[in-house]
PDB file of N, CA and C in Angstrom:
ATOM      1  N   MET A   1       7.842 -39.360  14.460  1.00  0.00           N
ATOM      2  CA  MET A   1       8.586 -38.143  14.246  1.00  0.00           C
ATOM      3  C   MET A   1       9.044 -37.618  15.612  1.00  0.00           C
ATOM      4  N   SER A   2      10.284 -37.225  15.693  1.00  0.00           N
ATOM      5  CA  SER A   2      10.811 -36.736  16.970  1.00  0.00           C
ATOM      6  C   SER A   2      10.286 -35.333  17.254  1.00  0.00           C
ATOM      7  N   ALA A   3      10.490 -34.902  18.501  1.00  0.00           N
ATOM      8  CA  ALA A   3      10.016 -33.576  18.905  1.00  0.00           C
ATOM      9  C   ALA A   3      10.761 -32.482  18.146  1.00  0.00           C
ATOM     10  N   ILE A   4      12.035 -32.677  17.877  1.00  0.00           N
ATOM     11  CA  ILE A   4      12.814 -31.674  17.148  1.00  0.00           C
ATOM     12  C   ILE A   4      12.334 -31.592  15.705  1.00  0.00           C
ATOM     13  N   ALA A   5      12.099 -32.733  15.077  1.00  0.00           N
ATOM     14  CA  ALA A   5      11.637 -32.731  13.688  1.00  0.00           C
ATOM     15  C   ALA A   5      10.258 -32.087  13.574  1.00  0.00           C
ATOM     16  N   SER A   6       9.364 -32.339  14.537  1.00  0.00           N
ATOM     17  CA  SER A   6       8.036 -31.726  14.468  1.00  0.00           C
ATOM     18  C   SER A   6       8.117 -30.228  14.729  1.00  0.00           C
ATOM     19  N   ALA A   7       9.055 -29.789  15.574  1.00  0.00           N
ATOM     20  CA  ALA A   7       9.232 -28.362  15.804  1.00  0.00           C
ATOM     21  C   ALA A   7       9.737 -27.672  14.554  1.00  0.00           C
ATOM     22  N   VAL A   8      10.605 -28.342  13.798  1.00  0.00           N
ATOM     23  CA  VAL A   8      11.113 -27.763  12.551  1.00  0.00           C
ATOM     24  C   VAL A   8       9.977 -27.642  11.545  1.00  0.00           C
ATOM     25  N   VAL A   9       9.122 -28.656  11.467  1.00  0.00           N
ATOM     26  CA  VAL A   9       7.989 -28.610  10.554  1.00  0.00           C
ATOM     27  C   VAL A   9       7.042 -27.481  10.947  1.00  0.00           C
ATOM     28  N   LEU A  10       6.754 -27.332  12.248  1.00  0.00           N
ATOM     29  CA  LEU A  10       5.869 -26.266  12.700  1.00  0.00           C
ATOM     30  C   LEU A  10       6.493 -24.896  12.475  1.00  0.00           C
ATOM     31  N   ALA A  11       7.794 -24.779  12.711  1.00  0.00           N
ATOM     32  CA  ALA A  11       8.463 -23.494  12.521  1.00  0.00           C
ATOM     33  C   ALA A  11       8.466 -23.114  11.045  1.00  0.00           C
ATOM     34  N   GLY A  12       8.559 -24.112  10.154  1.00  0.00           N
ATOM     35  CA  GLY A  12       8.548 -23.821   8.724  1.00  0.00           C
ATOM     36  C   GLY A  12       7.176 -23.371   8.251  1.00  0.00           C
ATOM     37  N   GLY A  13       6.134 -23.759   8.970  1.00  0.00           N
ATOM     38  CA  GLY A  13       4.789 -23.353   8.599  1.00  0.00           C
ATOM     39  C   GLY A  13       4.351 -23.989   7.300  1.00  0.00           C
ATOM     40  N   CYS A  14       3.298 -23.465   6.732  1.00  0.00           N
ATOM     41  CA  CYS A  14       2.788 -24.031   5.490  1.00  0.00           C
ATOM     42  C   CYS A  14       3.316 -23.276   4.285  1.00  0.00           C
ATOM     43  N   HIS A  15       4.293 -22.410   4.451  1.00  0.00           N
ATOM     44  CA  HIS A  15       4.791 -21.600   3.346  1.00  0.00           C
ATOM     45  C   HIS A  15       6.017 -22.218   2.673  1.00  0.00           C
ATOM     46  N   ALA A  16       6.641 -23.162   3.345  1.00  0.00           N
ATOM     47  CA  ALA A  16       7.889 -23.713   2.823  1.00  0.00           C
ATOM     48  C   ALA A  16       7.601 -24.836   1.829  1.00  0.00           C
ATOM     49  N   GLY A  17       7.263 -24.478   0.611  1.00  0.00           N
ATOM     50  CA  GLY A  17       7.097 -25.463  -0.441  1.00  0.00           C
ATOM     51  C   GLY A  17       5.791 -26.222  -0.419  1.00  0.00           C
ATOM     52  N   THR A  18       4.806 -25.795   0.370  1.00  0.00           N
ATOM     53  CA  THR A  18       3.521 -26.477   0.381  1.00  0.00           C
ATOM     54  C   THR A  18       2.492 -25.617  -0.321  1.00  0.00           C
ATOM     55  N   THR A  19       1.305 -26.139  -0.454  1.00  0.00           N
ATOM     56  CA  THR A  19       0.263 -25.413  -1.181  1.00  0.00           C
ATOM     57  C   THR A  19      -0.926 -25.121  -0.270  1.00  0.00           C
ATOM     58  N   CYS A  20      -0.677 -24.469   0.846  1.00  0.00           N
ATOM     59  CA  CYS A  20      -1.771 -24.177   1.774  1.00  0.00           C
ATOM     60  C   CYS A  20      -2.611 -23.008   1.282  1.00  0.00           C
ATOM     61  N   GLY A  21      -2.074 -22.160   0.425  1.00  0.00           N
ATOM     62  CA  GLY A  21      -2.836 -21.046  -0.123  1.00  0.00           C
ATOM     63  C   GLY A  21      -2.696 -19.739   0.634  1.00  0.00           C
ATOM     64  N   PHE A  22      -1.989 -19.733   1.750  1.00  0.00           N
ATOM     65  CA  PHE A  22      -1.817 -18.496   2.512  1.00  0.00           C
ATOM     66  C   PHE A  22      -0.533 -17.808   2.068  1.00  0.00           C
ATOM     67  N   PRO A  23      -0.626 -16.614   1.500  1.00  0.00           N
ATOM     68  CA  PRO A  23       0.601 -15.922   1.089  1.00  0.00           C
ATOM     69  C   PRO A  23       1.292 -15.278   2.282  1.00  0.00           C
ATOM     70  N   ALA A  24       2.592 -15.444   2.354  1.00  0.00           N
ATOM     71  CA  ALA A  24       3.355 -14.821   3.432  1.00  0.00           C
ATOM     72  C   ALA A  24       3.373 -13.314   3.224  1.00  0.00           C
ATOM     73  N   PRO A  25       3.290 -12.532   4.310  1.00  0.00           N
ATOM     74  CA  PRO A  25       3.320 -11.077   4.162  1.00  0.00           C
ATOM     75  C   PRO A  25       4.672 -10.606   3.658  1.00  0.00           C
ATOM     76  N   SER A  26       4.632  -9.533   2.890  1.00  0.00           N
ATOM     77  CA  SER A  26       5.863  -8.948   2.375  1.00  0.00           C
ATOM     78  C   SER A  26       5.948  -7.493   2.828  1.00  0.00           C
ATOM     79  N   LEU A  27       7.000  -6.808   2.452  1.00  0.00           N
ATOM     80  CA  LEU A  27       7.157  -5.403   2.831  1.00  0.00           C
ATOM     81  C   LEU A  27       6.087  -4.522   2.205  1.00  0.00           C
ATOM     82  N   ASP A  28       5.504  -4.954   1.095  1.00  0.00           N
ATOM     83  CA  ASP A  28       4.449  -4.159   0.459  1.00  0.00           C
ATOM     84  C   ASP A  28       3.198  -4.077   1.329  1.00  0.00           C
ATOM     85  N   ASN A  29       3.022  -5.025   2.233  1.00  0.00           N
ATOM     86  CA  ASN A  29       1.867  -4.991   3.123  1.00  0.00           C
ATOM     87  C   ASN A  29       1.964  -3.869   4.147  1.00  0.00           C
ATOM     88  N   PHE A  30       3.117  -3.246   4.287  1.00  0.00           N
ATOM     89  CA  PHE A  30       3.311  -2.200   5.279  1.00  0.00           C
ATOM     90  C   PHE A  30       3.441  -0.819   4.648  1.00  0.00           C
ATOM     91  N   ASN A  31       3.082  -0.687   3.391  1.00  0.00           N
ATOM     92  CA  ASN A  31       3.018   0.613   2.727  1.00  0.00           C
ATOM     93  C   ASN A  31       1.583   1.102   2.827  1.00  0.00           C
ATOM     94  N   PHE A  32       1.304   1.905   3.845  1.00  0.00           N
ATOM     95  CA  PHE A  32      -0.058   2.372   4.097  1.00  0.00           C
ATOM     96  C   PHE A  32      -0.346   3.607   3.255  1.00  0.00           C
ATOM     97  N   LYS A  33      -1.597   3.730   2.838  1.00  0.00           N
ATOM     98  CA  LYS A  33      -2.046   4.932   2.137  1.00  0.00           C
ATOM     99  C   LYS A  33      -2.485   5.949   3.174  1.00  0.00           C
ATOM    100  N   ALA A  34      -2.237   7.217   2.897  1.00  0.00           N
ATOM    101  CA  ALA A  34      -2.601   8.272   3.841  1.00  0.00           C
ATOM    102  C   ALA A  34      -4.119   8.390   3.937  1.00  0.00           C
ATOM    103  N   ILE A  35      -4.629   8.544   5.154  1.00  0.00           N
ATOM    104  CA  ILE A  35      -6.061   8.783   5.349  1.00  0.00           C
ATOM    105  C   ILE A  35      -6.383  10.191   4.876  1.00  0.00           C
ATOM    106  N   PHE A  36      -5.520  11.145   5.247  1.00  0.00           N
ATOM    107  CA  PHE A  36      -5.606  12.505   4.708  1.00  0.00           C
ATOM    108  C   PHE A  36      -4.227  13.135   4.768  1.00  0.00           C
ATOM    109  N   THR A  37      -4.031  14.173   3.981  1.00  0.00           N
ATOM    110  CA  THR A  37      -2.757  14.886   3.969  1.00  0.00           C
ATOM    111  C   THR A  37      -3.024  16.380   4.099  1.00  0.00           C
ATOM    112  N   ILE A  38      -2.105  17.046   4.772  1.00  0.00           N
ATOM    113  CA  ILE A  38      -2.107  18.502   4.869  1.00  0.00           C
ATOM    114  C   ILE A  38      -0.708  18.942   4.477  1.00  0.00           C
ATOM    115  N   GLY A  39      -0.572  19.448   3.283  1.00  0.00           N
ATOM    116  CA  GLY A  39       0.743  19.808   2.772  1.00  0.00           C
ATOM    117  C   GLY A  39       1.593  18.558   2.625  1.00  0.00           C
ATOM    118  N   SER A  40       2.743  18.545   3.270  1.00  0.00           N
ATOM    119  CA  SER A  40       3.616  17.374   3.195  1.00  0.00           C
ATOM    120  C   SER A  40       3.363  16.390   4.344  1.00  0.00           C
ATOM    121  N   PHE A  41       2.445  16.739   5.262  1.00  0.00           N
ATOM    122  CA  PHE A  41       2.125  15.878   6.391  1.00  0.00           C
ATOM    123  C   PHE A  41       1.018  14.910   5.999  1.00  0.00           C
ATOM    124  N   GLY A  42       1.259  13.622   6.222  1.00  0.00           N
ATOM    125  CA  GLY A  42       0.242  12.611   5.956  1.00  0.00           C
ATOM    126  C   GLY A  42      -0.156  11.918   7.245  1.00  0.00           C
ATOM    127  N   PHE A  43      -1.443  11.630   7.394  1.00  0.00           N
ATOM    128  CA  PHE A  43      -1.970  10.940   8.566  1.00  0.00           C
ATOM    129  C   PHE A  43      -2.341   9.529   8.138  1.00  0.00           C
ATOM    130  N   TYR A  44      -1.662   8.515   8.723  1.00  0.00           N
ATOM    131  CA  TYR A  44      -1.802   7.132   8.284  1.00  0.00           C
ATOM    132  C   TYR A  44      -2.517   6.291   9.337  1.00  0.00           C
ATOM    133  N   LYS A  45      -2.880   5.049   8.966  1.00  0.00           N
ATOM    134  CA  LYS A  45      -3.593   4.144   9.869  1.00  0.00           C
ATOM    135  C   LYS A  45      -2.819   3.890  11.168  1.00  0.00           C
ATOM    136  N   PRO A  46      -1.496   3.638  11.150  1.00  0.00           N
ATOM    137  CA  PRO A  46      -0.787   3.465  12.431  1.00  0.00           C
ATOM    138  C   PRO A  46      -0.865   4.713  13.321  1.00  0.00           C
ATOM    139  N   ASP A  47      -0.876   5.900  12.708  1.00  0.00           N
ATOM    140  CA  ASP A  47      -1.026   7.127  13.490  1.00  0.00           C
ATOM    141  C   ASP A  47      -2.393   7.166  14.159  1.00  0.00           C
ATOM    142  N   LEU A  48      -3.423   6.767  13.442  1.00  0.00           N
ATOM    143  CA  LEU A  48      -4.769   6.739  14.000  1.00  0.00           C
ATOM    144  C   LEU A  48      -4.870   5.744  15.153  1.00  0.00           C
ATOM    145  N   LEU A  49      -4.286   4.566  14.992  1.00  0.00           N
ATOM    146  CA  LEU A  49      -4.312   3.566  16.059  1.00  0.00           C
ATOM    147  C   LEU A  49      -3.559   4.052  17.293  1.00  0.00           C
ATOM    148  N   ALA A  50      -2.418   4.705  17.103  1.00  0.00           N
ATOM    149  CA  ALA A  50      -1.660   5.245  18.239  1.00  0.00           C
ATOM    150  C   ALA A  50      -2.458   6.337  18.949  1.00  0.00           C
ATOM    151  N   LEU A  51      -3.147   7.172  18.194  1.00  0.00           N
ATOM    152  CA  LEU A  51      -3.966   8.237  18.785  1.00  0.00           C
ATOM    153  C   LEU A  51      -5.132   7.651  19.583  1.00  0.00           C
ATOM    154  N   ILE A  52      -5.805   6.641  19.031  1.00  0.00           N
ATOM    155  CA  ILE A  52      -6.919   6.008  19.735  1.00  0.00           C
ATOM    156  C   ILE A  52      -6.431   5.351  21.022  1.00  0.00           C
ATOM    157  N   CYS A  53      -5.308   4.645  20.978  1.00  0.00           N
ATOM    158  CA  CYS A  53      -4.767   3.997  22.182  1.00  0.00           C
ATOM    159  C   CYS A  53      -4.373   5.023  23.234  1.00  0.00           C
ATOM    160  N   THR A  54      -3.769   6.122  22.809  1.00  0.00           N
ATOM    161  CA  THR A  54      -3.386   7.176  23.743  1.00  0.00           C
ATOM    162  C   THR A  54      -4.610   7.771  24.417  1.00  0.00           C
ATOM    163  N   LEU A  55      -5.651   8.036  23.635  1.00  0.00           N
ATOM    164  CA  LEU A  55      -6.875   8.592  24.204  1.00  0.00           C
ATOM    165  C   LEU A  55      -7.534   7.618  25.181  1.00  0.00           C
ATOM    166  N   LEU A  56      -7.504   6.323  24.875  1.00  0.00           N
ATOM    167  CA  LEU A  56      -8.070   5.334  25.788  1.00  0.00           C
ATOM    168  C   LEU A  56      -7.311   5.283  27.114  1.00  0.00           C
ATOM    169  N   VAL A  57      -5.987   5.337  27.058  1.00  0.00           N
ATOM    170  CA  VAL A  57      -5.185   5.298  28.283  1.00  0.00           C
ATOM    171  C   VAL A  57      -5.410   6.561  29.110  1.00  0.00           C
ATOM    172  N   VAL A  58      -5.424   7.716  28.454  1.00  0.00           N
ATOM    173  CA  VAL A  58      -5.661   8.975  29.173  1.00  0.00           C
ATOM    174  C   VAL A  58      -7.046   8.970  29.795  1.00  0.00           C
ATOM    175  N   TRP A  59      -8.072   8.518  29.050  1.00  0.00           N
ATOM    176  CA  TRP A  59      -9.432   8.444  29.589  1.00  0.00           C
ATOM    177  C   TRP A  59      -9.507   7.500  30.785  1.00  0.00           C
ATOM    178  N   PHE A  60      -8.845   6.346  30.687  1.00  0.00           N
ATOM    179  CA  PHE A  60      -8.876   5.376  31.789  1.00  0.00           C
ATOM    180  C   PHE A  60      -8.294   5.981  33.061  1.00  0.00           C
ATOM    181  N   PHE A  61      -7.116   6.606  32.956  1.00  0.00           N
ATOM    182  CA  PHE A  61      -6.501   7.161  34.160  1.00  0.00           C
ATOM    183  C   PHE A  61      -7.280   8.372  34.672  1.00  0.00           C
ATOM    184  N   TRP A  62      -7.899   9.135  33.774  1.00  0.00           N
ATOM    185  CA  TRP A  62      -8.740  10.238  34.212  1.00  0.00           C
ATOM    186  C   TRP A  62      -9.938   9.704  34.994  1.00  0.00           C
ATOM    187  N   ALA A  63     -10.559   8.642  34.471  1.00  0.00           N
ATOM    188  CA  ALA A  63     -11.711   8.056  35.151  1.00  0.00           C
ATOM    189  C   ALA A  63     -11.305   7.439  36.483  1.00  0.00           C
ATOM    190  N   ALA A  64     -10.114   6.862  36.536  1.00  0.00           N
ATOM    191  CA  ALA A  64      -9.672   6.209  37.772  1.00  0.00           C
ATOM    192  C   ALA A  64      -9.348   7.218  38.865  1.00  0.00           C
ATOM    193  N   PHE A  65      -8.866   8.392  38.499  1.00  0.00           N
ATOM    194  CA  PHE A  65      -8.380   9.329  39.513  1.00  0.00           C
ATOM    195  C   PHE A  65      -9.139  10.649  39.556  1.00  0.00           C
ATOM    196  N   LYS A  66     -10.331  10.718  38.958  1.00  0.00           N
ATOM    197  CA  LYS A  66     -11.062  11.991  39.013  1.00  0.00           C
ATOM    198  C   LYS A  66     -11.626  12.252  40.414  1.00  0.00           C
ATOM    199  N   LYS A  67     -11.995  11.208  41.141  1.00  0.00           N
ATOM    200  CA  LYS A  67     -12.453  11.346  42.532  1.00  0.00           C
ATOM    201  C   LYS A  67     -11.727  10.310  43.377  1.00  0.00           C
ATOM    202  N   PRO A  68     -10.452  10.546  43.699  1.00  0.00           N
ATOM    203  CA  PRO A  68      -9.691   9.538  44.445  1.00  0.00           C
ATOM    204  C   PRO A  68     -10.197   9.402  45.880  1.00  0.00           C
ATOM    205  N   LYS A  69     -10.177   8.196  46.354  1.00  0.00           N
ATOM    206  CA  LYS A  69     -10.575   7.877  47.728  1.00  0.00           C
ATOM    207  C   LYS A  69      -9.352   7.370  48.492  1.00  0.00           C
ATOM    208  N   LEU A  70      -9.400   7.505  49.803  1.00  0.00           N
ATOM    209  CA  LEU A  70      -8.314   7.009  50.637  1.00  0.00           C
ATOM    210  C   LEU A  70      -8.228   5.487  50.548  1.00  0.00           C
ATOM    211  N   VAL A  71      -9.380   4.828  50.517  1.00  0.00           N
ATOM    212  CA  VAL A  71      -9.446   3.384  50.318  1.00  0.00           C
ATOM    213  C   VAL A  71      -9.986   3.178  48.905  1.00  0.00           C
ATOM    214  N   PRO A  72      -9.113   2.834  47.965  1.00  0.00           N
ATOM    215  CA  PRO A  72      -9.563   2.762  46.566  1.00  0.00           C
ATOM    216  C   PRO A  72     -10.538   1.620  46.328  1.00  0.00           C
ATOM    217  N   ARG A  73     -11.457   1.857  45.422  1.00  0.00           N
ATOM    218  CA  ARG A  73     -12.430   0.847  45.011  1.00  0.00           C
ATOM    219  C   ARG A  73     -12.601   0.924  43.494  1.00  0.00           C
ATOM    220  N   GLY A  74     -13.007  -0.188  42.919  1.00  0.00           N
ATOM    221  CA  GLY A  74     -13.353  -0.219  41.502  1.00  0.00           C
ATOM    222  C   GLY A  74     -12.190   0.114  40.590  1.00  0.00           C
ATOM    223  N   VAL A  75     -12.443   1.070  39.687  1.00  0.00           N
ATOM    224  CA  VAL A  75     -11.456   1.393  38.659  1.00  0.00           C
ATOM    225  C   VAL A  75     -10.225   2.078  39.256  1.00  0.00           C
ATOM    226  N   GLN A  76     -10.363   2.701  40.419  1.00  0.00           N
ATOM    227  CA  GLN A  76      -9.203   3.318  41.068  1.00  0.00           C
ATOM    228  C   GLN A  76      -8.174   2.262  41.456  1.00  0.00           C
ATOM    229  N   ASN A  77      -8.632   1.054  41.836  1.00  0.00           N
ATOM    230  CA  ASN A  77      -7.703  -0.038  42.133  1.00  0.00           C
ATOM    231  C   ASN A  77      -6.844  -0.351  40.912  1.00  0.00           C
ATOM    232  N   LEU A  78      -7.475  -0.496  39.763  1.00  0.00           N
ATOM    233  CA  LEU A  78      -6.726  -0.795  38.535  1.00  0.00           C
ATOM    234  C   LEU A  78      -5.789   0.341  38.166  1.00  0.00           C
ATOM    235  N   GLY A  79      -6.258   1.571  38.331  1.00  0.00           N
ATOM    236  CA  GLY A  79      -5.414   2.723  38.024  1.00  0.00           C
ATOM    237  C   GLY A  79      -4.175   2.772  38.908  1.00  0.00           C
ATOM    238  N   GLU A  80      -4.349   2.483  40.187  1.00  0.00           N
ATOM    239  CA  GLU A  80      -3.196   2.491  41.090  1.00  0.00           C
ATOM    240  C   GLU A  80      -2.244   1.341  40.791  1.00  0.00           C
ATOM    241  N   LEU A  81      -2.784   0.182  40.420  1.00  0.00           N
ATOM    242  CA  LEU A  81      -1.905  -0.930  40.016  1.00  0.00           C
ATOM    243  C   LEU A  81      -1.100  -0.564  38.779  1.00  0.00           C
ATOM    244  N   GLY A  82      -1.740   0.091  37.809  1.00  0.00           N
ATOM    245  CA  GLY A  82      -1.028   0.526  36.608  1.00  0.00           C
ATOM    246  C   GLY A  82       0.056   1.537  36.928  1.00  0.00           C
ATOM    247  N   TYR A  83      -0.267   2.490  37.810  1.00  0.00           N
ATOM    248  CA  TYR A  83       0.720   3.488  38.218  1.00  0.00           C
ATOM    249  C   TYR A  83       1.903   2.838  38.929  1.00  0.00           C
ATOM    250  N   LEU A  84       1.619   1.908  39.838  1.00  0.00           N
ATOM    251  CA  LEU A  84       2.707   1.238  40.559  1.00  0.00           C
ATOM    252  C   LEU A  84       3.569   0.407  39.613  1.00  0.00           C
ATOM    253  N   PHE A  85       2.953  -0.247  38.649  1.00  0.00           N
ATOM    254  CA  PHE A  85       3.717  -1.032  37.681  1.00  0.00           C
ATOM    255  C   PHE A  85       4.675  -0.149  36.890  1.00  0.00           C
ATOM    256  N   ILE A  86       4.173   0.988  36.409  1.00  0.00           N
ATOM    257  CA  ILE A  86       5.025   1.899  35.625  1.00  0.00           C
ATOM    258  C   ILE A  86       6.121   2.484  36.503  1.00  0.00           C
ATOM    259  N   ARG A  87       5.774   2.888  37.730  1.00  0.00           N
ATOM    260  CA  ARG A  87       6.769   3.456  38.633  1.00  0.00           C
ATOM    261  C   ARG A  87       7.868   2.455  38.946  1.00  0.00           C
ATOM    262  N   ASP A  88       7.487   1.185  39.185  1.00  0.00           N
ATOM    263  CA  ASP A  88       8.473   0.163  39.506  1.00  0.00           C
ATOM    264  C   ASP A  88       9.384  -0.141  38.316  1.00  0.00           C
ATOM    265  N   GLN A  89       8.884   0.015  37.109  1.00  0.00           N
ATOM    266  CA  GLN A  89       9.719  -0.220  35.933  1.00  0.00           C
ATOM    267  C   GLN A  89      10.829   0.821  35.835  1.00  0.00           C
ATOM    268  N   PHE A  90      10.538   2.047  36.244  1.00  0.00           N
ATOM    269  CA  PHE A  90      11.547   3.115  36.168  1.00  0.00           C
ATOM    270  C   PHE A  90      12.453   3.144  37.396  1.00  0.00           C
ATOM    271  N   ASP A  91      12.053   2.505  38.496  1.00  0.00           N
ATOM    272  CA  ASP A  91      12.875   2.482  39.704  1.00  0.00           C
ATOM    273  C   ASP A  91      13.946   1.380  39.651  1.00  0.00           C
ATOM    274  N   ARG A  92      13.786   0.424  38.745  1.00  0.00           N
ATOM    275  CA  ARG A  92      14.756  -0.671  38.667  1.00  0.00           C
ATOM    276  C   ARG A  92      16.079  -0.189  38.103  1.00  0.00           C
ATOM    277  N   PRO A  93      17.197  -0.696  38.627  1.00  0.00           N
ATOM    278  CA  PRO A  93      18.492  -0.296  38.053  1.00  0.00           C
ATOM    279  C   PRO A  93      18.656  -0.911  36.672  1.00  0.00           C
ATOM    280  N   MET A  94      19.316  -0.194  35.815  1.00  0.00           N
ATOM    281  CA  MET A  94      19.565  -0.678  34.454  1.00  0.00           C
ATOM    282  C   MET A  94      20.604  -1.779  34.492  1.00  0.00           C
ATOM    283  N   ILE A  95      20.368  -2.843  33.734  1.00  0.00           N
ATOM    284  CA  ILE A  95      21.300  -3.966  33.668  1.00  0.00           C
ATOM    285  C   ILE A  95      22.285  -3.696  32.550  1.00  0.00           C
ATOM    286  N   GLY A  96      23.543  -3.876  32.832  1.00  0.00           N
ATOM    287  CA  GLY A  96      24.537  -3.737  31.757  1.00  0.00           C
ATOM    288  C   GLY A  96      25.469  -2.680  31.940  1.00  0.00           C
TER     289      GLY A  96
END
């Protein structure tokens, strides 16, 4: 079997007319039930995951910069690398 033919087989996966038993996800898999509701506002699982991730990032940067040193060590090194990465992303000129 050529490399192109094997890539087509791999790209098709086991869902294209085979009986592997794994059902492909559909749009119904993304209809989440509300964890709780307040009036017309519903709090869903993706909202909870976004909140947890936000709290983790805020906690990390707080821990990295609560006692900054002139010569960074430990978690401050990672915090400064993260800050420089984000700053450099916004300093780049837009393409297009």
